């Protein structure tokens, strides 16, 4: 019997693929519905029952009992109907049993092909659901294909993709290499599935810290913020919830053992570990390490900060291509402007924020700030004609503002105000932030 042979063949395939019998019954039913659609043109009045235990497929077609048949797919005459059920009347429903063998011997071949396709879809769905629950987990896989835009990693039956923007730019990959990465996201587009992994995402670095530093995994030490430029440098702010445990020391480990494991995994990426402070000025000072500003001035209303450095420190403070100050800005949430002592003392262009200067007409300050002029320096370097062209700023109003500015901002006073040294109560900063012992002024070259 063809139907029994089909089920037996399906059961064997499903067994090899580890598919549940209930799932298999659903697939067989779907295949027969497709066959019915091909043969009859519709499935509206059909039902398929698959009995896996008996190895039987039952197909039923519901029709209406009529006097004259116009559509044999939906109607049956009274005489024929009463051969099966003598008590039927006009208008009653009639159930016709369709022999699965009527679909022909080509059914097995077609069904096998369809089953294989359905199984592939089923396996993809299972993989998708599995990895969707594992987002944020670190995996270890083998590179099996390298393309210009992505790497492809095989783990069992799953293929994982690492796009170019999720790779560490200075790493070189070879086919067959083992690689660790974090599962970043799982995408589903129609019938296509993509499991995206990453080594560049900050979450990968956070997960490495949780793996190597038990105090983070246990919640004793908290990662407050992180900014990363993969392959080059990372700044990470940590805080201990236990006064007996030093957050930075725990992350570094005995003789740097913990941090060095992470650095080696990231191919030498430099990691600055910063002790958290609720005082923004102190936090910014620590975040700018390995350079140390002698003064930090805040504009908390606009999340901006001016950090002043000795001339010998300014290049280290800014870092290569501005990297150090850029990462410090991201990790602290303040836009940091770094200036040297000679830059401040040698010019009258001190970047004081207008909102920080006392006794200036508030209306004019608001107008200037709305038009992108936020500092004394920007006012000085903007022509009178350009200032007067700003909507809402007339001759009289501008003159009153400039007079007030001249009275409040004298170069001697400005220098005296901003040259106050930062307190030396944070002697630990230089060593605590420098997680990599080999970090020095080379980054500024």
Protein backbone atom coordinates (compact mmCIF):
# COMPACT_ATOMS: atom_id res chain seq x y z
CA UNK A 1 0.00 0.00 0.00
CA UNK A 2 1.48 3.31 -1.12
CA UNK A 3 0.32 5.35 1.86
CA UNK A 4 1.90 2.92 4.30
CA UNK A 5 5.14 2.87 2.30
CA UNK A 6 5.15 6.66 2.32
CA UNK A 7 4.76 6.87 6.09
CA UNK A 8 7.43 4.23 6.65
CA UNK A 9 9.81 6.10 4.35
CA UNK A 10 8.97 9.39 6.09
CA UNK A 11 9.49 7.88 9.53
CA UNK A 12 12.96 6.66 8.54
CA UNK A 13 13.98 10.07 7.18
CA UNK A 14 12.56 11.85 10.21
CA UNK A 15 14.36 9.41 12.52
CA UNK A 16 17.66 10.24 10.86
CA UNK A 17 16.90 13.95 11.26
CA UNK A 18 15.65 13.59 14.84
CA UNK A 19 12.20 15.03 14.11
CA UNK A 20 9.30 14.48 16.52
CA UNK A 21 6.47 12.19 15.28
CA UNK A 22 3.93 14.92 15.84
CA UNK A 23 5.97 17.34 13.74
CA UNK A 24 6.33 14.65 11.07
CA UNK A 25 2.56 14.07 10.94
CA UNK A 26 2.08 17.80 10.38
CA UNK A 27 4.60 17.77 7.53
CA UNK A 28 2.90 14.76 5.85
CA UNK A 29 -0.49 16.43 6.13
CA UNK A 30 0.89 19.60 4.56
CA UNK A 31 2.39 17.58 1.68
CA UNK A 32 -0.93 15.88 0.94
CA UNK A 33 -2.75 19.19 1.06
CA UNK A 34 -0.32 20.41 -1.61
CA UNK A 35 -1.05 17.30 -3.72
CA UNK A 36 -4.80 17.82 -3.32
CA UNK A 37 -4.42 21.42 -4.43
CA UNK A 38 -2.51 20.27 -7.52
CA UNK A 39 -5.07 17.58 -8.42
CA UNK A 40 -8.40 19.23 -7.51
CA UNK A 41 -7.53 22.92 -7.66
CA UNK A 42 -8.66 23.60 -4.09
CA UNK A 43 -8.49 22.21 -0.54
CA UNK A 44 -11.56 23.91 0.91
CA UNK A 45 -13.61 20.73 1.43
CA UNK A 46 -10.77 18.27 2.15
CA UNK A 47 -9.33 16.97 5.38
CA UNK A 48 -6.25 14.78 5.86
CA UNK A 49 -5.71 12.57 8.91
CA UNK A 50 -2.31 10.96 9.42
CA UNK A 51 -2.18 7.97 11.79
CA UNK A 52 1.49 7.45 12.59
CA UNK A 53 0.85 4.42 14.79
CA UNK A 54 -1.07 2.48 12.13
CA UNK A 55 0.95 3.86 9.24
CA UNK A 56 -2.21 5.11 7.51
CA UNK A 57 -3.25 8.26 5.69
CA UNK A 58 -6.97 9.04 5.49
CA UNK A 59 -8.27 11.68 3.10
CA UNK A 60 -11.86 12.91 3.35
CA UNK A 61 -13.75 15.12 0.92
CA UNK A 62 -17.01 16.71 2.05
CA UNK A 63 -19.77 17.15 -0.56
CA UNK A 64 -23.42 18.21 -0.56
CA UNK A 65 -26.22 15.84 -1.60
CA UNK A 66 -28.10 17.33 -4.59
CA UNK A 67 -30.60 16.19 -7.20
CA UNK A 68 -28.44 17.27 -10.15
CA UNK A 69 -24.64 17.46 -9.95
CA UNK A 70 -23.04 20.55 -11.48
CA UNK A 71 -19.67 20.35 -9.71
CA UNK A 72 -18.49 16.85 -8.80
CA UNK A 73 -15.80 18.24 -6.50
CA UNK A 74 -18.42 19.70 -4.17
CA UNK A 75 -21.64 17.81 -4.99
CA UNK A 76 -22.92 14.21 -5.12
CA UNK A 77 -26.28 12.93 -6.39
CA UNK A 78 -28.76 11.39 -3.94
CA UNK A 79 -28.59 7.91 -5.48
CA UNK A 80 -24.80 7.65 -5.12
CA UNK A 81 -24.89 9.07 -1.62
CA UNK A 82 -27.49 6.54 -0.46
CA UNK A 83 -25.25 3.68 -1.58
CA UNK A 84 -23.04 4.68 1.34
CA UNK A 85 -25.63 6.08 3.76
CA UNK A 86 -29.25 5.13 2.92
CA UNK A 87 -30.78 7.73 5.27
CA UNK A 88 -29.25 10.78 3.51
CA UNK A 89 -31.56 13.47 2.08
CA UNK A 90 -31.14 16.40 -0.34
CA UNK A 91 -28.98 19.09 1.27
CA UNK A 92 -27.23 16.75 3.70
CA UNK A 93 -23.41 16.67 3.88
CA UNK A 94 -21.75 13.63 2.38
CA UNK A 95 -18.24 12.45 3.25
CA UNK A 96 -16.33 10.83 0.40
CA UNK A 97 -13.19 8.83 1.21
CA UNK A 98 -10.32 9.48 -1.19
CA UNK A 99 -7.80 6.69 -1.71
CA UNK A 100 -4.24 8.04 -1.26
CA UNK A 101 -3.15 5.55 -3.96
CA UNK A 102 -5.18 7.57 -6.46
CA UNK A 103 -2.42 10.16 -6.55
CA UNK A 104 -0.16 7.70 -8.40
CA UNK A 105 3.23 6.14 -7.77
CA UNK A 106 5.01 9.40 -8.49
CA UNK A 107 3.71 10.47 -5.10
CA UNK A 108 6.53 8.77 -3.19
CA UNK A 109 9.24 10.56 -5.20
CA UNK A 110 7.52 13.92 -4.93
CA UNK A 111 6.72 13.40 -1.27
CA UNK A 112 10.33 12.47 -0.45
CA UNK A 113 11.62 15.61 -2.17
CA UNK A 114 9.07 17.76 -0.40
CA UNK A 115 9.79 16.11 2.91
CA UNK A 116 13.53 16.80 2.58
CA UNK A 117 12.77 20.43 1.85
CA UNK A 118 10.40 20.67 4.81
CA UNK A 119 12.96 19.03 7.06
CA UNK A 120 15.58 21.59 6.03
CA UNK A 121 13.14 24.38 6.87
CA UNK A 122 12.32 22.67 10.15
CA UNK A 123 16.00 22.36 11.06
CA UNK A 124 16.61 26.02 10.21
CA UNK A 125 13.67 27.01 12.40
CA UNK A 126 15.01 24.90 15.27
CA UNK A 127 18.48 26.45 14.92
CA UNK A 128 16.96 29.93 14.73
CA UNK A 129 14.94 29.40 17.92
CA UNK A 130 17.92 27.90 19.72
CA UNK A 131 20.30 30.76 18.91
CA UNK A 132 17.63 33.41 19.48
CA UNK A 133 17.65 32.29 23.13
CA UNK A 134 21.45 32.44 23.24
CA UNK A 135 21.98 36.07 22.19
CA UNK A 136 24.74 37.51 24.38
CA UNK A 137 26.49 34.16 24.78
CA UNK A 138 30.11 33.57 23.73
CA UNK A 139 30.61 30.77 21.21
CA UNK A 140 33.69 28.95 19.95
CA UNK A 141 33.63 27.84 16.33
CA UNK A 142 35.78 27.07 13.32
CA UNK A 143 36.14 29.38 10.34
CA UNK A 144 35.07 27.49 7.23
CA UNK A 145 34.67 30.31 4.72
CA UNK A 146 36.24 33.76 4.29
CA UNK A 147 34.67 36.38 2.05
CA UNK A 148 35.46 40.03 1.58
CA UNK A 149 32.35 41.14 3.46
CA UNK A 150 32.09 38.41 6.12
CA UNK A 151 33.45 35.31 7.84
CA UNK A 152 31.34 32.16 8.16
CA UNK A 153 31.75 29.89 11.16
CA UNK A 154 30.36 26.36 11.48
CA UNK A 155 29.07 24.97 14.77
CA UNK A 156 27.35 21.60 14.34
CA UNK A 157 24.54 22.22 11.79
CA UNK A 158 24.52 25.99 12.27
CA UNK A 159 26.30 28.53 10.09
CA UNK A 160 27.17 31.77 11.87
CA UNK A 161 28.11 35.00 10.12
CA UNK A 162 30.57 37.65 11.25
CA UNK A 163 30.18 40.72 9.00
CA UNK A 164 33.23 42.85 8.33
CA UNK A 165 32.05 45.63 10.66
CA UNK A 166 31.85 43.11 13.52
CA UNK A 167 35.45 41.97 13.07
CA UNK A 168 38.51 43.48 14.77
CA UNK A 169 40.16 45.36 11.93
CA UNK A 170 43.76 44.37 12.70
CA UNK A 171 43.12 40.64 13.10
CA UNK A 172 43.96 38.21 10.31
CA UNK A 173 41.75 35.16 9.90
CA UNK A 174 42.46 31.84 8.18
CA UNK A 175 40.21 29.00 7.19
CA UNK A 176 40.19 26.32 9.88
CA UNK A 177 41.11 28.71 12.70
CA UNK A 178 39.13 28.49 15.93
CA UNK A 179 37.50 31.77 16.89
CA UNK A 180 35.55 33.14 19.85
CA UNK A 181 32.79 35.70 19.45
CA UNK A 182 29.53 36.81 21.01
CA UNK A 183 26.13 36.04 19.51
CA UNK A 184 24.99 39.57 18.65
CA UNK A 185 21.61 38.98 17.01
CA UNK A 186 19.52 36.45 15.10
CA UNK A 187 17.72 37.73 12.01
CA UNK A 188 14.85 36.18 10.10
CA UNK A 189 13.96 37.49 6.66
CA UNK A 190 11.16 35.49 5.01
CA UNK A 191 12.73 32.02 4.85
CA UNK A 192 16.31 33.15 5.33
CA UNK A 193 17.99 33.00 8.73
CA UNK A 194 21.16 34.80 9.81
CA UNK A 195 23.00 34.32 13.08
CA UNK A 196 25.25 37.36 13.51
CA UNK A 197 28.28 37.10 15.77
CA UNK A 198 30.76 39.81 16.75
CA UNK A 199 34.19 40.40 18.21
CA UNK A 200 33.95 44.18 17.84
CA UNK A 201 30.83 44.77 19.91
CA UNK A 202 31.47 46.17 23.43
CA UNK A 203 29.21 43.38 24.73
CA UNK A 204 31.92 40.86 23.75
CA UNK A 205 34.45 42.64 25.96
CA UNK A 206 31.95 42.87 28.83
CA UNK A 207 31.29 39.14 28.55
CA UNK A 208 35.03 38.42 28.62
CA UNK A 209 35.31 40.44 31.84
CA UNK A 210 32.43 38.49 33.38
CA UNK A 211 34.18 35.26 32.43
CA UNK A 212 37.58 36.24 33.83
CA UNK A 213 36.45 38.31 36.85
CA UNK A 214 34.08 36.30 39.09
CA UNK A 215 33.29 39.43 41.13
CA UNK A 216 31.60 40.96 38.07
CA UNK A 217 29.58 37.81 37.35
CA UNK A 218 28.52 37.72 41.02
CA UNK A 219 27.47 41.39 41.02
CA UNK A 220 30.08 42.50 43.55
CA UNK A 221 31.72 44.68 40.90
CA UNK A 222 29.53 46.58 38.44
CA UNK A 223 30.50 47.77 34.97
CA UNK A 224 29.09 51.30 34.82
CA UNK A 225 30.08 52.30 31.28
CA UNK A 226 32.29 51.27 28.40
CA UNK A 227 33.60 52.92 25.24
CA UNK A 228 35.55 50.92 22.71
CA UNK A 229 37.40 51.30 19.45
CA UNK A 230 37.97 47.61 18.61
CA UNK A 231 41.57 46.59 18.08
CA UNK A 232 42.96 49.82 19.52
CA UNK A 233 41.69 50.87 22.91
CA UNK A 234 38.86 50.50 25.41
CA UNK A 235 37.94 52.51 28.49
CA UNK A 236 35.73 50.79 31.05
CA UNK A 237 34.35 52.25 34.28
CA UNK A 238 33.87 49.87 37.20
CA UNK A 239 32.52 50.23 40.72
CA UNK A 240 32.74 47.91 43.71
CA UNK A 241 29.61 47.31 45.79
CA UNK A 242 31.82 45.96 48.58
CA UNK A 243 34.17 48.45 50.24
CA UNK A 244 36.59 45.64 51.04
CA UNK A 245 37.15 44.87 47.34
CA UNK A 246 39.05 47.19 45.00
CA UNK A 247 37.23 47.18 41.66
CA UNK A 248 40.25 48.01 39.51
CA UNK A 249 42.53 45.59 41.34
CA UNK A 250 40.03 42.74 40.99
CA UNK A 251 39.71 43.36 37.25
CA UNK A 252 43.48 43.53 36.74
CA UNK A 253 44.14 40.44 38.85
CA UNK A 254 47.30 39.29 40.60
CA UNK A 255 50.26 40.61 38.59
CA UNK A 256 47.84 41.50 35.77
CA UNK A 257 46.80 37.87 35.25
CA UNK A 258 43.12 38.53 34.56
CA UNK A 259 43.45 41.54 32.31
CA UNK A 260 46.22 39.92 30.28
CA UNK A 261 43.97 36.98 29.37
CA UNK A 262 41.45 39.46 27.94
CA UNK A 263 44.13 41.52 26.18
CA UNK A 264 45.56 38.39 24.51
CA UNK A 265 42.07 37.35 23.36
CA UNK A 266 41.66 40.80 21.77
CA UNK A 267 45.03 40.68 20.01
CA UNK A 268 46.71 43.29 22.19
CA UNK A 269 43.89 45.82 22.47
CA UNK A 270 44.72 48.30 25.27
CA UNK A 271 42.22 48.45 28.12
CA UNK A 272 41.98 51.32 30.62
CA UNK A 273 40.09 50.34 33.76
CA UNK A 274 38.64 53.38 35.53
CA UNK A 275 37.44 53.54 39.12
CA UNK A 276 33.96 55.08 39.24
CA UNK A 277 33.33 58.36 41.04
CA UNK A 278 30.07 60.22 41.57
CA UNK A 279 32.08 63.45 41.18
CA UNK A 280 32.12 64.23 37.43
CA UNK A 281 35.37 66.22 37.59
CA UNK A 282 37.23 63.35 39.26
CA UNK A 283 35.68 60.78 36.91
CA UNK A 284 36.75 62.82 33.87
CA UNK A 285 40.24 63.22 35.31
CA UNK A 286 40.52 59.45 35.72
CA UNK A 287 39.04 58.73 32.29
CA UNK A 288 41.67 60.91 30.57
CA UNK A 289 44.50 58.70 31.87
CA UNK A 290 47.34 58.10 31.09
CA UNK A 291 47.40 61.92 30.96
CA UNK A 292 46.40 63.87 34.08
CA UNK A 293 44.73 67.29 33.78
CA UNK A 294 45.61 69.97 36.33
CA UNK A 295 42.15 71.52 36.02
CA UNK A 296 38.73 70.33 34.85
CA UNK A 297 35.92 72.82 34.35
CA UNK A 298 32.36 71.58 33.84
CA UNK A 299 29.24 72.82 32.10
CA UNK A 300 26.85 70.21 33.43
CA UNK A 301 23.83 71.83 31.81
CA UNK A 302 25.29 70.99 28.38
CA UNK A 303 27.38 67.95 29.40
CA UNK A 304 30.60 69.62 28.35
CA UNK A 305 33.97 69.88 30.05
CA UNK A 306 37.21 71.78 29.57
CA UNK A 307 40.33 69.86 30.65
CA UNK A 308 43.64 71.71 30.96
CA UNK A 309 47.02 69.95 30.70
CA UNK A 310 50.68 70.78 30.96
CA UNK A 311 52.25 71.18 27.51
CA UNK A 312 54.16 67.90 27.89
CA UNK A 313 50.92 66.01 28.57
CA UNK A 314 48.58 67.40 25.93
CA UNK A 315 49.55 64.97 23.14
CA UNK A 316 49.02 61.99 25.45
CA UNK A 317 45.72 63.45 26.65
CA UNK A 318 44.40 63.80 23.11
CA UNK A 319 45.89 60.52 21.92
CA UNK A 320 46.50 59.25 18.42
CA UNK A 321 43.93 60.83 16.06
CA UNK A 322 42.12 62.17 19.14
CA UNK A 323 41.35 58.67 20.38
CA UNK A 324 42.05 59.13 24.10
CA UNK A 325 39.90 62.21 24.59
CA UNK A 326 37.23 60.78 22.29
CA UNK A 327 36.91 57.57 24.31
CA UNK A 328 36.98 59.52 27.58
CA UNK A 329 34.12 61.66 26.29
CA UNK A 330 32.04 58.63 25.37
CA UNK A 331 32.60 56.73 28.60
CA UNK A 332 31.87 59.72 30.90
CA UNK A 333 29.04 61.22 28.87
CA UNK A 334 30.74 64.63 28.73
CA UNK A 335 32.03 66.25 25.57
CA UNK A 336 35.61 66.97 26.64
CA UNK A 337 37.76 69.73 25.15
CA UNK A 338 41.45 69.29 25.99
CA UNK A 339 43.80 72.32 26.00
CA UNK A 340 47.42 72.90 27.01
CA UNK A 341 48.69 75.50 29.50
CA UNK A 342 50.45 77.54 26.80
CA UNK A 343 47.31 77.48 24.67
CA UNK A 344 45.37 79.04 27.53
CA UNK A 345 48.04 81.48 28.76
CA UNK A 346 49.13 82.62 25.32
CA UNK A 347 45.77 83.67 23.97
CA UNK A 348 42.56 85.36 25.10
CA UNK A 349 40.53 82.62 23.41
CA UNK A 350 39.80 80.65 26.55
CA UNK A 351 36.82 78.43 25.78
CA UNK A 352 34.63 79.53 28.65
CA UNK A 353 31.02 78.64 28.03
CA UNK A 354 28.79 81.69 27.84
CA UNK A 355 26.31 80.14 30.24
CA UNK A 356 29.11 79.95 32.83
CA UNK A 357 29.94 83.65 32.63
CA UNK A 358 28.06 85.68 35.22
CA UNK A 359 25.98 88.83 34.55
CA UNK A 360 25.53 88.29 30.82
CA UNK A 361 22.10 89.09 29.33
CA UNK A 362 20.32 85.73 29.42
CA UNK A 363 18.25 86.52 26.33
CA UNK A 364 21.35 87.16 24.21
CA UNK A 365 23.14 84.08 25.58
CA UNK A 366 20.15 81.92 24.62
CA UNK A 367 20.03 83.40 21.11
CA UNK A 368 23.76 82.79 20.57
CA UNK A 369 23.68 79.23 21.94
CA UNK A 370 20.68 78.39 19.72
CA UNK A 371 22.77 79.53 16.75
CA UNK A 372 25.79 77.39 17.67
CA UNK A 373 27.86 80.08 19.43
CA UNK A 374 28.44 78.66 22.91
CA UNK A 375 31.83 79.97 24.11
CA UNK A 376 33.64 83.27 24.64
CA UNK A 377 36.16 82.14 22.04
CA UNK A 378 33.43 81.66 19.43
CA UNK A 379 32.03 85.15 20.13
CA UNK A 380 35.49 86.74 19.76
CA UNK A 381 36.09 84.92 16.46
CA UNK A 382 32.73 85.88 14.95
CA UNK A 383 32.51 89.20 13.09
CA UNK A 384 30.12 91.91 14.25
CA UNK A 385 28.29 91.71 10.94
CA UNK A 386 27.74 87.95 11.39
CA UNK A 387 26.48 88.46 14.93
CA UNK A 388 24.05 91.18 13.81
CA UNK A 389 22.75 88.87 11.07
CA UNK A 390 21.40 86.50 13.74
CA UNK A 391 17.65 86.81 14.10
CA UNK A 392 16.64 88.63 17.30
CA UNK A 393 20.03 90.27 17.84
CA UNK A 394 20.03 94.03 17.17
CA UNK A 395 22.72 96.74 17.53
CA UNK A 396 21.62 97.87 20.99
CA UNK A 397 21.21 94.36 22.37
CA UNK A 398 24.56 93.24 20.98
CA UNK A 399 26.40 96.29 22.38
CA UNK A 400 24.93 95.68 25.85
CA UNK A 401 26.03 92.06 25.66
CA UNK A 402 29.58 92.86 24.47
CA UNK A 403 29.98 95.49 27.19
CA UNK A 404 28.88 92.99 29.86
CA UNK A 405 31.20 90.36 28.39
CA UNK A 406 34.13 92.79 28.43
CA UNK A 407 33.48 93.61 32.07
CA UNK A 408 33.19 89.96 33.13
CA UNK A 409 35.94 88.37 31.05
CA UNK A 410 39.38 89.90 31.42
CA UNK A 411 42.24 87.71 30.19
CA UNK A 412 44.12 88.03 33.50
CA UNK A 413 41.04 87.03 35.48
CA UNK A 414 40.31 84.12 33.17
CA UNK A 415 43.82 82.76 33.45
CA UNK A 416 43.77 83.19 37.21
CA UNK A 417 40.42 81.40 37.42
CA UNK A 418 41.22 78.39 35.29
CA UNK A 419 44.78 77.81 36.44
CA UNK A 420 43.80 76.40 39.86
CA UNK A 421 45.44 73.00 40.31
CA UNK A 422 43.29 69.92 40.72
CA UNK A 423 43.47 68.39 44.21
CA UNK A 424 46.09 65.73 44.62
CA UNK A 425 43.72 63.46 46.58
CA UNK A 426 43.61 60.92 43.79
CA UNK A 427 47.17 59.65 43.62
CA UNK A 428 45.98 56.18 42.63
CA UNK A 429 44.52 57.35 39.34
CA UNK A 430 47.58 56.93 37.16
CA UNK A 431 48.20 53.34 38.11
CA UNK A 432 44.57 52.22 38.40
CA UNK A 433 43.60 53.35 34.93
CA UNK A 434 46.66 51.91 33.27
CA UNK A 435 45.51 48.31 32.90
CA UNK A 436 48.14 47.65 30.26
CA UNK A 437 51.58 48.08 31.69
CA UNK A 438 53.04 48.79 28.28
CA UNK A 439 50.75 51.80 27.62
CA UNK A 440 52.74 54.99 27.30
CA UNK A 441 53.04 58.01 25.12
CA UNK A 442 53.43 55.89 21.98
CA UNK A 443 49.70 56.27 21.36
CA UNK A 444 50.14 59.95 20.80
CA UNK A 445 52.78 59.58 18.12
